[in-house]
C-alpha atoms as a PDB file:
ATOM      1  CA  MET A   1      -5.242  17.867  -5.488  1.00  0.00           C
ATOM      2  CA  LEU A   2      -4.359  14.226  -4.951  1.00  0.00           C
ATOM      3  CA  ARG A   3      -5.459  12.105  -7.883  1.00  0.00           C
ATOM      4  CA  LYS A   4      -3.052   9.174  -8.178  1.00  0.00           C
ATOM      5  CA  CYS A   5      -2.178   6.103  -6.159  1.00  0.00           C
ATOM      6  CA  LEU A   6       0.770   3.808  -6.804  1.00  0.00           C
ATOM      7  CA  PHE A   7       0.683   0.076  -6.060  1.00  0.00           C
ATOM      8  CA  PRO A   8       4.087  -1.648  -5.937  1.00  0.00           C
ATOM      9  CA  VAL A   9       3.095  -5.224  -6.853  1.00  0.00           C
ATOM     10  CA  ALA A  10       6.285  -6.732  -8.269  1.00  0.00           C
ATOM     11  CA  GLY A  11       7.262  -8.881  -5.264  1.00  0.00           C
ATOM     12  CA  TYR A  12       7.510 -12.649  -5.468  1.00  0.00           C
ATOM     13  CA  GLY A  13       5.381 -13.555  -2.438  1.00  0.00           C
ATOM     14  CA  THR A  14       7.766 -16.300  -1.352  1.00  0.00           C
ATOM     15  CA  ARG A  15       6.068 -16.771   2.022  1.00  0.00           C
ATOM     16  CA  PHE A  16       3.045 -18.150   0.172  1.00  0.00           C
ATOM     17  CA  LEU A  17       4.850 -20.651  -2.039  1.00  0.00           C
ATOM     18  CA  PRO A  18       3.890 -22.830  -3.769  1.00  0.00           C
ATOM     19  CA  ALA A  19       0.600 -20.930  -4.293  1.00  0.00           C
ATOM     20  CA  THR A  20       2.462 -17.864  -5.585  1.00  0.00           C
ATOM     21  CA  LYS A  21       4.627 -19.796  -8.026  1.00  0.00           C
ATOM     22  CA  SER A  22       2.146 -18.975 -10.794  1.00  0.00           C
ATOM     23  CA  MET A  23      -0.278 -16.624  -9.012  1.00  0.00           C
ATOM     24  CA  PRO A  24       0.548 -13.085  -7.861  1.00  0.00           C
ATOM     25  CA  LYS A  25       0.351 -12.805  -4.083  1.00  0.00           C
ATOM     26  CA  GLU A  26      -1.755  -9.657  -4.558  1.00  0.00           C
ATOM     27  CA  MET A  27      -4.430 -11.834  -6.179  1.00  0.00           C
ATOM     28  CA  LEU A  28      -4.803 -14.122  -3.159  1.00  0.00           C
ATOM     29  CA  PRO A  29      -8.450 -13.823  -2.090  1.00  0.00           C
ATOM     30  CA  VAL A  30      -9.588 -12.645   1.308  1.00  0.00           C
ATOM     31  CA  VAL A  31     -13.000 -14.349   1.192  1.00  0.00           C
ATOM     32  CA  ASN A  32     -14.189 -13.327  -2.291  1.00  0.00           C
ATOM     33  CA  LYS A  33     -11.906 -10.423  -3.293  1.00  0.00           C
ATOM     34  CA  PRO A  34      -8.201 -10.373  -4.094  1.00  0.00           C
ATOM     35  CA  LEU A  35      -5.999  -8.362  -1.756  1.00  0.00           C
ATOM     36  CA  VAL A  36      -5.181  -5.787  -4.399  1.00  0.00           C
ATOM     37  CA  GLN A  37      -8.859  -4.990  -5.025  1.00  0.00           C
ATOM     38  CA  TYR A  38      -9.344  -4.036  -1.381  1.00  0.00           C
ATOM     39  CA  GLY A  39      -6.461  -1.607  -1.737  1.00  0.00           C
ATOM     40  CA  VAL A  40      -7.758  -0.143  -4.988  1.00  0.00           C
ATOM     41  CA  GLU A  41     -11.199   0.361  -3.460  1.00  0.00           C
ATOM     42  CA  GLU A  42      -9.590   2.179  -0.528  1.00  0.00           C
ATOM     43  CA  ALA A  43      -7.706   4.466  -2.918  1.00  0.00           C
ATOM     44  CA  ILE A  44     -10.791   5.235  -5.011  1.00  0.00           C
ATOM     45  CA  ASP A  45     -12.866   5.947  -1.914  1.00  0.00           C
ATOM     46  CA  ALA A  46     -10.173   8.468  -0.939  1.00  0.00           C
ATOM     47  CA  GLY A  47     -10.534  10.224  -4.296  1.00  0.00           C
ATOM     48  CA  LEU A  48      -7.386   8.689  -5.839  1.00  0.00           C
ATOM     49  CA  LYS A  49      -8.964   7.338  -8.992  1.00  0.00           C
ATOM     50  CA  GLN A  50      -5.872   7.109 -11.193  1.00  0.00           C
ATOM     51  CA  ILE A  51      -4.304   3.789 -10.247  1.00  0.00           C
ATOM     52  CA  GLY A  52      -0.761   2.848 -11.251  1.00  0.00           C
ATOM     53  CA  PHE A  53       0.736  -0.622 -10.819  1.00  0.00           C
ATOM     54  CA  VAL A  54       4.494  -1.229 -10.641  1.00  0.00           C
ATOM     55  CA  THR A  55       4.496  -4.841 -11.766  1.00  0.00           C
ATOM     56  CA  GLY A  56       7.012  -7.569 -12.513  1.00  0.00           C
ATOM     57  CA  ARG A  57       7.243 -10.824 -14.390  1.00  0.00           C
ATOM     58  CA  GLY A  58       4.305 -13.153 -13.880  1.00  0.00           C
ATOM     59  CA  LYS A  59       1.908 -10.411 -12.757  1.00  0.00           C
ATOM     60  CA  ARG A  60      -0.423 -10.226 -15.760  1.00  0.00           C
ATOM     61  CA  ALA A  61      -3.354 -11.513 -13.713  1.00  0.00           C
ATOM     62  CA  ILE A  62      -3.498  -8.147 -11.927  1.00  0.00           C
ATOM     63  CA  ALA A  63      -3.997  -6.230 -15.168  1.00  0.00           C
ATOM     64  CA  ASP A  64      -6.543  -8.816 -16.317  1.00  0.00           C
ATOM     65  CA  HIS A  65      -8.501  -8.441 -13.079  1.00  0.00           C
ATOM     66  CA  PHE A  66      -8.921  -4.710 -13.648  1.00  0.00           C
ATOM     67  CA  ASP A  67     -10.296  -5.215 -17.130  1.00  0.00           C
ATOM     68  CA  THR A  68     -13.552  -6.491 -18.618  1.00  0.00           C
ATOM     69  CA  SER A  69     -13.887 -10.250 -19.097  1.00  0.00           C
ATOM     70  CA  TYR A  70     -16.339 -10.470 -21.977  1.00  0.00           C
ATOM     71  CA  GLU A  71     -16.612 -14.254 -21.882  1.00  0.00           C
ATOM     72  CA  LEU A  72     -17.401 -14.334 -18.167  1.00  0.00           C
ATOM     73  CA  GLU A  73     -19.827 -11.415 -18.431  1.00  0.00           C
ATOM     74  CA  HIS A  74     -21.666 -13.174 -21.249  1.00  0.00           C
ATOM     75  CA  GLN A  75     -21.847 -16.510 -19.416  1.00  0.00           C
ATOM     76  CA  ILE A  76     -23.415 -15.158 -16.217  1.00  0.00           C
ATOM     77  CA  SER A  77     -25.394 -12.243 -17.645  1.00  0.00           C
ATOM     78  CA  GLY A  78     -28.948 -12.312 -16.326  1.00  0.00           C
ATOM     79  CA  THR A  79     -28.221 -15.056 -13.790  1.00  0.00           C
ATOM     80  CA  PRO A  80     -28.144 -14.762  -9.971  1.00  0.00           C
ATOM     81  CA  LYS A  81     -24.324 -15.016 -10.145  1.00  0.00           C
ATOM     82  CA  GLU A  82     -24.087 -11.642 -11.882  1.00  0.00           C
ATOM     83  CA  LYS A  83     -24.341  -9.883  -8.515  1.00  0.00           C
ATOM     84  CA  TYR A  84     -20.860 -11.148  -7.631  1.00  0.00           C
ATOM     85  CA  LEU A  85     -19.385  -8.758 -10.212  1.00  0.00           C
ATOM     86  CA  THR A  86     -20.916  -5.652  -8.626  1.00  0.00           C
ATOM     87  CA  SER A  87     -17.825  -4.565  -6.676  1.00  0.00           C
ATOM     88  CA  ILE A  88     -15.319  -4.976  -9.507  1.00  0.00           C
ATOM     89  CA  ARG A  89     -17.678  -3.268 -11.993  1.00  0.00           C
ATOM     90  CA  ARG A  90     -17.837  -0.255  -9.686  1.00  0.00           C
ATOM     91  CA  VAL A  91     -14.034  -0.118  -9.549  1.00  0.00           C
ATOM     92  CA  LEU A  92     -13.741  -0.359 -13.337  1.00  0.00           C
ATOM     93  CA  ASP A  93     -16.380   2.329 -13.871  1.00  0.00           C
ATOM     94  CA  VAL A  94     -14.693   4.819 -11.540  1.00  0.00           C
ATOM     95  CA  GLY A  95     -10.967   4.124 -11.807  1.00  0.00           C
ATOM     96  CA  THR A  96      -8.388   4.343 -14.572  1.00  0.00           C
ATOM     97  CA  PHE A  97      -5.499   1.888 -14.635  1.00  0.00           C
ATOM     98  CA  SER A  98      -1.947   1.927 -15.956  1.00  0.00           C
ATOM     99  CA  SER A  99       1.201  -0.042 -15.246  1.00  0.00           C
ATOM    100  CA  THR A 100       4.951  -0.139 -15.652  1.00  0.00           C
ATOM    101  CA  ARG A 101       7.383  -2.949 -14.971  1.00  0.00           C
ATOM    102  CA  GLN A 102      10.121  -3.131 -12.352  1.00  0.00           C
ATOM    103  CA  ARG A 103      12.765  -5.272 -14.004  1.00  0.00           C
ATOM    104  CA  GLU A 104      14.694  -6.148 -10.845  1.00  0.00           C
ATOM    105  CA  MET A 105      13.794  -6.275  -7.166  1.00  0.00           C
ATOM    106  CA  ARG A 106      15.825  -3.497  -5.523  1.00  0.00           C
ATOM    107  CA  GLY A 107      13.551  -2.464  -2.684  1.00  0.00           C
ATOM    108  CA  LEU A 108      10.413  -0.423  -2.138  1.00  0.00           C
ATOM    109  CA  GLY A 109      12.198   2.848  -2.830  1.00  0.00           C
ATOM    110  CA  HIS A 110      13.288   1.584  -6.230  1.00  0.00           C
ATOM    111  CA  ALA A 111       9.759   0.351  -6.968  1.00  0.00           C
ATOM    112  CA  ILE A 112       8.332   3.788  -6.192  1.00  0.00           C
ATOM    113  CA  LEU A 113      10.985   5.464  -8.346  1.00  0.00           C
ATOM    114  CA  THR A 114      10.056   3.090 -11.181  1.00  0.00           C
ATOM    115  CA  GLY A 115       6.502   4.420 -10.887  1.00  0.00           C
ATOM    116  CA  GLU A 116       7.572   8.014 -11.542  1.00  0.00           C
ATOM    117  CA  THR A 117       6.493   7.700 -15.158  1.00  0.00           C
ATOM    118  CA  LEU A 118       2.943   6.946 -13.957  1.00  0.00           C
ATOM    119  CA  VAL A 119       2.843   9.789 -11.440  1.00  0.00           C
ATOM    120  CA  GLY A 120       4.643  12.795 -12.878  1.00  0.00           C
ATOM    121  CA  ASN A 121       5.243  15.957 -10.882  1.00  0.00           C
ATOM    122  CA  GLU A 122       2.466  15.731  -8.307  1.00  0.00           C
ATOM    123  CA  ALA A 123       1.836  14.318  -4.850  1.00  0.00           C
ATOM    124  CA  PHE A 124       0.492  10.764  -4.795  1.00  0.00           C
ATOM    125  CA  GLY A 125      -0.562   7.920  -2.541  1.00  0.00           C
ATOM    126  CA  VAL A 126       1.146   4.561  -2.137  1.00  0.00           C
ATOM    127  CA  ILE A 127      -0.668   1.440  -0.945  1.00  0.00           C
ATOM    128  CA  LEU A 128       1.012  -1.870  -0.194  1.00  0.00           C
ATOM    129  CA  SER A 129      -1.574  -4.589  -0.742  1.00  0.00           C
ATOM    130  CA  ASP A 130       0.033  -6.828   1.881  1.00  0.00           C
ATOM    131  CA  ASP A 131      -1.335  -4.488   4.534  1.00  0.00           C
ATOM    132  CA  LEU A 132      -5.106  -4.884   4.528  1.00  0.00           C
ATOM    133  CA  CYS A 133      -6.677  -2.035   6.478  1.00  0.00           C
ATOM    134  CA  PHE A 134     -10.290  -1.898   7.589  1.00  0.00           C
ATOM    135  CA  ASN A 135     -12.323   1.032   8.821  1.00  0.00           C
ATOM    136  CA  PRO A 136     -16.064   0.890   8.083  1.00  0.00           C
ATOM    137  CA  ASP A 137     -16.484   4.663   8.322  1.00  0.00           C
ATOM    138  CA  ARG A 138     -13.442   6.165   6.585  1.00  0.00           C
ATOM    139  CA  GLY A 139     -10.544   4.297   5.023  1.00  0.00           C
ATOM    140  CA  VAL A 140      -6.948   4.878   6.088  1.00  0.00           C
ATOM    141  CA  MET A 141      -5.970   6.553   2.819  1.00  0.00           C
ATOM    142  CA  ALA A 142      -8.961   8.909   3.043  1.00  0.00           C
ATOM    143  CA  GLN A 143      -7.877   9.843   6.568  1.00  0.00           C
ATOM    144  CA  MET A 144      -4.396  10.630   5.260  1.00  0.00           C
ATOM    145  CA  VAL A 145      -5.733  12.681   2.344  1.00  0.00           C
ATOM    146  CA  ASP A 146      -7.525  14.878   4.885  1.00  0.00           C
ATOM    147  CA  LEU A 147      -4.207  15.455   6.650  1.00  0.00           C
ATOM    148  CA  TYR A 148      -2.370  16.170   3.405  1.00  0.00           C
ATOM    149  CA  ARG A 149      -4.818  18.937   2.577  1.00  0.00           C
ATOM    150  CA  GLN A 150      -3.859  20.524   5.879  1.00  0.00           C
ATOM    151  CA  PHE A 151      -0.072  19.997   5.954  1.00  0.00           C
ATOM    152  CA  ARG A 152       0.941  19.569   2.266  1.00  0.00           C
ATOM    153  CA  CYS A 153       3.872  17.277   3.052  1.00  0.00           C
ATOM    154  CA  SER A 154       4.702  13.581   2.933  1.00  0.00           C
ATOM    155  CA  ILE A 155       2.766  11.444   5.411  1.00  0.00           C
ATOM    156  CA  VAL A 156       3.287   7.865   6.595  1.00  0.00           C
ATOM    157  CA  ALA A 157       0.782   5.709   8.450  1.00  0.00           C
ATOM    158  CA  ILE A 158       2.051   4.173  11.673  1.00  0.00           C
ATOM    159  CA  GLU A 159       0.908   1.850  14.416  1.00  0.00           C
ATOM    160  CA  GLU A 160       2.365   0.616  17.674  1.00  0.00           C
ATOM    161  CA  VAL A 161       3.936  -2.835  17.423  1.00  0.00           C
ATOM    162  CA  PRO A 162       5.472  -5.113  20.076  1.00  0.00           C
ATOM    163  CA  GLU A 163       9.022  -3.995  20.817  1.00  0.00           C
ATOM    164  CA  ASN A 164      10.404  -7.390  19.792  1.00  0.00           C
ATOM    165  CA  GLU A 165       8.965  -6.949  16.270  1.00  0.00           C
ATOM    166  CA  THR A 166      10.610  -3.662  15.278  1.00  0.00           C
ATOM    167  CA  ASP A 167      13.028  -5.547  13.008  1.00  0.00           C
ATOM    168  CA  LYS A 168      10.123  -6.215  10.616  1.00  0.00           C
ATOM    169  CA  TYR A 169       9.322  -2.551   9.914  1.00  0.00           C
ATOM    170  CA  GLY A 170      10.570   0.909   9.276  1.00  0.00           C
ATOM    171  CA  VAL A 171      10.365   2.668  12.655  1.00  0.00           C
ATOM    172  CA  ILE A 172      10.006   6.384  13.375  1.00  0.00           C
ATOM    173  CA  ALA A 173      10.804   8.786  16.153  1.00  0.00           C
ATOM    174  CA  GLY A 174       9.032  12.124  16.270  1.00  0.00           C
ATOM    175  CA  ASP A 175       7.675  15.094  18.114  1.00  0.00           C
ATOM    176  CA  ILE A 176       4.051  14.599  19.042  1.00  0.00           C
ATOM    177  CA  ILE A 177       1.618  17.218  17.737  1.00  0.00           C
ATOM    178  CA  LYS A 178      -1.457  15.511  19.118  1.00  0.00           C
ATOM    179  CA  ASP A 179      -2.393  11.996  20.196  1.00  0.00           C
ATOM    180  CA  ASP A 180      -2.316  10.502  16.705  1.00  0.00           C
ATOM    181  CA  LEU A 181       0.068  12.799  14.799  1.00  0.00           C
ATOM    182  CA  TYR A 182       3.844  13.257  14.895  1.00  0.00           C
ATOM    183  CA  THR A 183       6.472  15.329  13.110  1.00  0.00           C
ATOM    184  CA  VAL A 184       9.135  12.798  12.120  1.00  0.00           C
ATOM    185  CA  THR A 185      12.656  13.419  13.438  1.00  0.00           C
ATOM    186  CA  ASP A 186      14.187  10.017  12.706  1.00  0.00           C
ATOM    187  CA  MET A 187      13.491   6.857  10.714  1.00  0.00           C
ATOM    188  CA  VAL A 188      15.287   3.526  10.837  1.00  0.00           C
ATOM    189  CA  GLU A 189      14.663   0.570   8.529  1.00  0.00           C
ATOM    190  CA  LYS A 190      14.074  -2.711  10.394  1.00  0.00           C
ATOM    191  CA  PRO A 191      16.082  -1.921  13.532  1.00  0.00           C
ATOM    192  CA  SER A 192      16.777  -4.526  16.168  1.00  0.00           C
ATOM    193  CA  PRO A 193      14.742  -3.905  19.335  1.00  0.00           C
ATOM    194  CA  ASP A 194      17.761  -2.489  21.172  1.00  0.00           C
ATOM    195  CA  LYS A 195      18.369   0.081  18.393  1.00  0.00           C
ATOM    196  CA  ALA A 196      14.769   1.032  17.585  1.00  0.00           C
ATOM    197  CA  PRO A 197      13.960   4.701  18.264  1.00  0.00           C
ATOM    198  CA  SER A 198      10.393   3.740  19.280  1.00  0.00           C
ATOM    199  CA  ASN A 199       7.793   1.051  18.675  1.00  0.00           C
ATOM    200  CA  LEU A 200       5.937   3.203  16.099  1.00  0.00           C
ATOM    201  CA  ALA A 201       6.131   1.191  12.885  1.00  0.00           C
ATOM    202  CA  ILE A 202       5.387   2.390   9.362  1.00  0.00           C
ATOM    203  CA  ILE A 203       2.714   0.325   7.617  1.00  0.00           C
ATOM    204  CA  GLY A 204       1.855   0.181   3.942  1.00  0.00           C
ATOM    205  CA  ARG A 205       0.169   3.553   3.452  1.00  0.00           C
ATOM    206  CA  TYR A 206       2.028   6.654   2.289  1.00  0.00           C
ATOM    207  CA  ILE A 207       1.345  10.035   0.751  1.00  0.00           C
ATOM    208  CA  LEU A 208       4.486  11.331  -0.943  1.00  0.00           C
ATOM    209  CA  THR A 209       5.363  14.681  -2.451  1.00  0.00           C
ATOM    210  CA  PRO A 210       7.043  14.520  -5.891  1.00  0.00           C
ATOM    211  CA  ASP A 211      10.490  15.650  -4.697  1.00  0.00           C
ATOM    212  CA  ILE A 212      10.811  12.106  -3.341  1.00  0.00           C
ATOM    213  CA  PHE A 213      11.775  10.979  -6.863  1.00  0.00           C
ATOM    214  CA  ASP A 214      14.901  13.156  -7.026  1.00  0.00           C
ATOM    215  CA  ILE A 215      15.901  11.948  -3.564  1.00  0.00           C
ATOM    216  CA  LEU A 216      15.405   8.300  -4.559  1.00  0.00           C
ATOM    217  CA  ARG A 217      17.385   8.794  -7.771  1.00  0.00           C
ATOM    218  CA  ASP A 218      20.462   9.765  -5.760  1.00  0.00           C
ATOM    219  CA  MET A 219      19.861   7.398  -2.848  1.00  0.00           C
ATOM    220  CA  PRO A 220      22.534   4.708  -2.374  1.00  0.00           C
ATOM    221  CA  PRO A 221      21.376   1.221  -1.395  1.00  0.00           C
ATOM    222  CA  GLY A 222      20.730   0.814   2.311  1.00  0.00           C
ATOM    223  CA  LYS A 223      19.591  -2.124   4.439  1.00  0.00           C
ATOM    224  CA  ASN A 224      19.760  -5.454   2.532  1.00  0.00           C
ATOM    225  CA  ASN A 225      21.447  -3.572  -0.340  1.00  0.00           C
ATOM    226  CA  GLU A 226      18.052  -2.169  -1.366  1.00  0.00           C
ATOM    227  CA  VAL A 227      16.877   1.368  -2.022  1.00  0.00           C
ATOM    228  CA  GLN A 228      14.795   2.072   1.064  1.00  0.00           C
ATOM    229  CA  ILE A 229      11.888   4.512   1.064  1.00  0.00           C
ATOM    230  CA  THR A 230      12.548   5.161   4.765  1.00  0.00           C
ATOM    231  CA  ASP A 231      16.009   6.546   3.922  1.00  0.00           C
ATOM    232  CA  ALA A 232      14.481   8.906   1.343  1.00  0.00           C
ATOM    233  CA  LEU A 233      11.750  10.001   3.737  1.00  0.00           C
ATOM    234  CA  LEU A 234      14.379  10.784   6.379  1.00  0.00           C
ATOM    235  CA  VAL A 235      16.066  13.122   3.884  1.00  0.00           C
ATOM    236  CA  GLN A 236      12.690  14.813   3.344  1.00  0.00           C
ATOM    237  CA  ALA A 237      12.175  15.067   7.102  1.00  0.00           C
ATOM    238  CA  LYS A 238      15.542  16.775   7.586  1.00  0.00           C
ATOM    239  CA  ARG A 239      14.896  19.195   4.739  1.00  0.00           C
ATOM    240  CA  GLY A 240      11.379  20.117   5.735  1.00  0.00           C
ATOM    241  CA  CYS A 241       8.533  18.076   7.109  1.00  0.00           C
ATOM    242  CA  VAL A 242       7.284  14.493   7.151  1.00  0.00           C
ATOM    243  CA  MET A 243       4.262  13.598   9.259  1.00  0.00           C
ATOM    244  CA  ALA A 244       3.490  10.235  10.852  1.00  0.00           C
ATOM    245  CA  TYR A 245      -0.159   9.420  11.493  1.00  0.00           C
ATOM    246  CA  LYS A 246      -1.452   6.783  13.891  1.00  0.00           C
ATOM    247  CA  PHE A 247      -4.411   5.766  11.775  1.00  0.00           C
ATOM    248  CA  LYS A 248      -7.868   4.793  12.926  1.00  0.00           C
ATOM    249  CA  GLY A 249      -8.824   1.282  11.953  1.00  0.00           C
ATOM    250  CA  LYS A 250      -7.664  -2.315  11.970  1.00  0.00           C
ATOM    251  CA  ARG A 251      -4.672  -3.646  10.033  1.00  0.00           C
ATOM    252  CA  PHE A 252      -3.886  -7.194   8.960  1.00  0.00           C
ATOM    253  CA  ASP A 253      -0.406  -8.229   7.820  1.00  0.00           C
ATOM    254  CA  CYS A 254      -1.449 -10.315   4.842  1.00  0.00           C
ATOM    255  CA  GLY A 255       2.164 -10.750   3.799  1.00  0.00           C
ATOM    256  CA  SER A 256       2.332 -13.463   6.454  1.00  0.00           C
ATOM    257  CA  VAL A 257       0.266 -16.639   6.582  1.00  0.00           C
ATOM    258  CA  PRO A 258      -1.086 -16.034  10.126  1.00  0.00           C
ATOM    259  CA  GLY A 259      -2.084 -12.462   9.244  1.00  0.00           C
ATOM    260  CA  PHE A 260      -3.748 -13.625   6.037  1.00  0.00           C
ATOM    261  CA  VAL A 261      -5.756 -16.249   7.924  1.00  0.00           C
ATOM    262  CA  ASP A 262      -6.751 -13.681  10.567  1.00  0.00           C
ATOM    263  CA  ALA A 263      -7.913 -11.288   7.845  1.00  0.00           C
ATOM    264  CA  THR A 264      -9.939 -13.984   6.097  1.00  0.00           C
ATOM    265  CA  ASN A 265     -11.685 -14.992   9.308  1.00  0.00           C
ATOM    266  CA  TYR A 266     -12.384 -11.392  10.308  1.00  0.00           C
ATOM    267  CA  TYR A 267     -13.758 -10.365   6.902  1.00  0.00           C
ATOM    268  CA  TYR A 268     -15.901 -13.475   6.654  1.00  0.00           C
ATOM    269  CA  GLU A 269     -17.429 -12.860  10.075  1.00  0.00           C
ATOM    270  CA  ASN A 270     -17.733  -9.055   9.960  1.00  0.00           C
ATOM    271  CA  VAL A 271     -17.598  -7.723   6.396  1.00  0.00           C
ATOM    272  CA  TYR A 272     -18.599 -10.331   3.831  1.00  0.00           C
ATOM    273  CA  GLU A 273     -22.106 -10.159   2.420  1.00  0.00           C
ATOM    274  CA  GLU A 274     -23.228 -13.011   0.171  1.00  0.00           C
END
């Protein structure tokens, strides 16, 4: 049974400088919630209630957010403002939280390997907070958990992107099982459009089986001299099975300023309730 979800949150967020000089990019608010809280809520709604953060220097605000603030609680207790704590109180009541620190930035694969101590020998989810996904009926991670129960293998979420943007993503090729599901045959990290095997890009939602850790341990650095999770997943695909799922819902790239603004406008107009 899937119980755990890993959040790699050690990145510097340089595209949002100077705001992220002293503030973790994962704490940037989309309307009234930080990005990372949306991701944690998605994980919990999918049944992944044990949350692990792979953090770095200057990220203490994330741990503080997922803790009780006695002074704040006391100040607004019994006032109309207390209602604004409802969502975070629900998260704290349901979830458990732990963290470990990634001491150097060596890629997403290295960040996930650093989280092995939080996961152990069991399958787990991975959510990248930069990718804010919205589905009012069933979250993307919950959709993927349903698939994992059926296939019991690693699964990546994908979406079609413009062909001239493949160099921003890991890109898959695969054999189609049905309209929204593929068996992965190839994966390339950030290929140029002329070398991309398709326009099916991996976004920040994964379910990984625990053998991924042994693969990552022996994985040499790849693109940009980083340990790439796509390289490790390709090893898994060649050994057995990795599925790619074209998820149902809307995704915002909140790692970019335009995507963050789009997400804020959309959530304010369609999701936010005062």
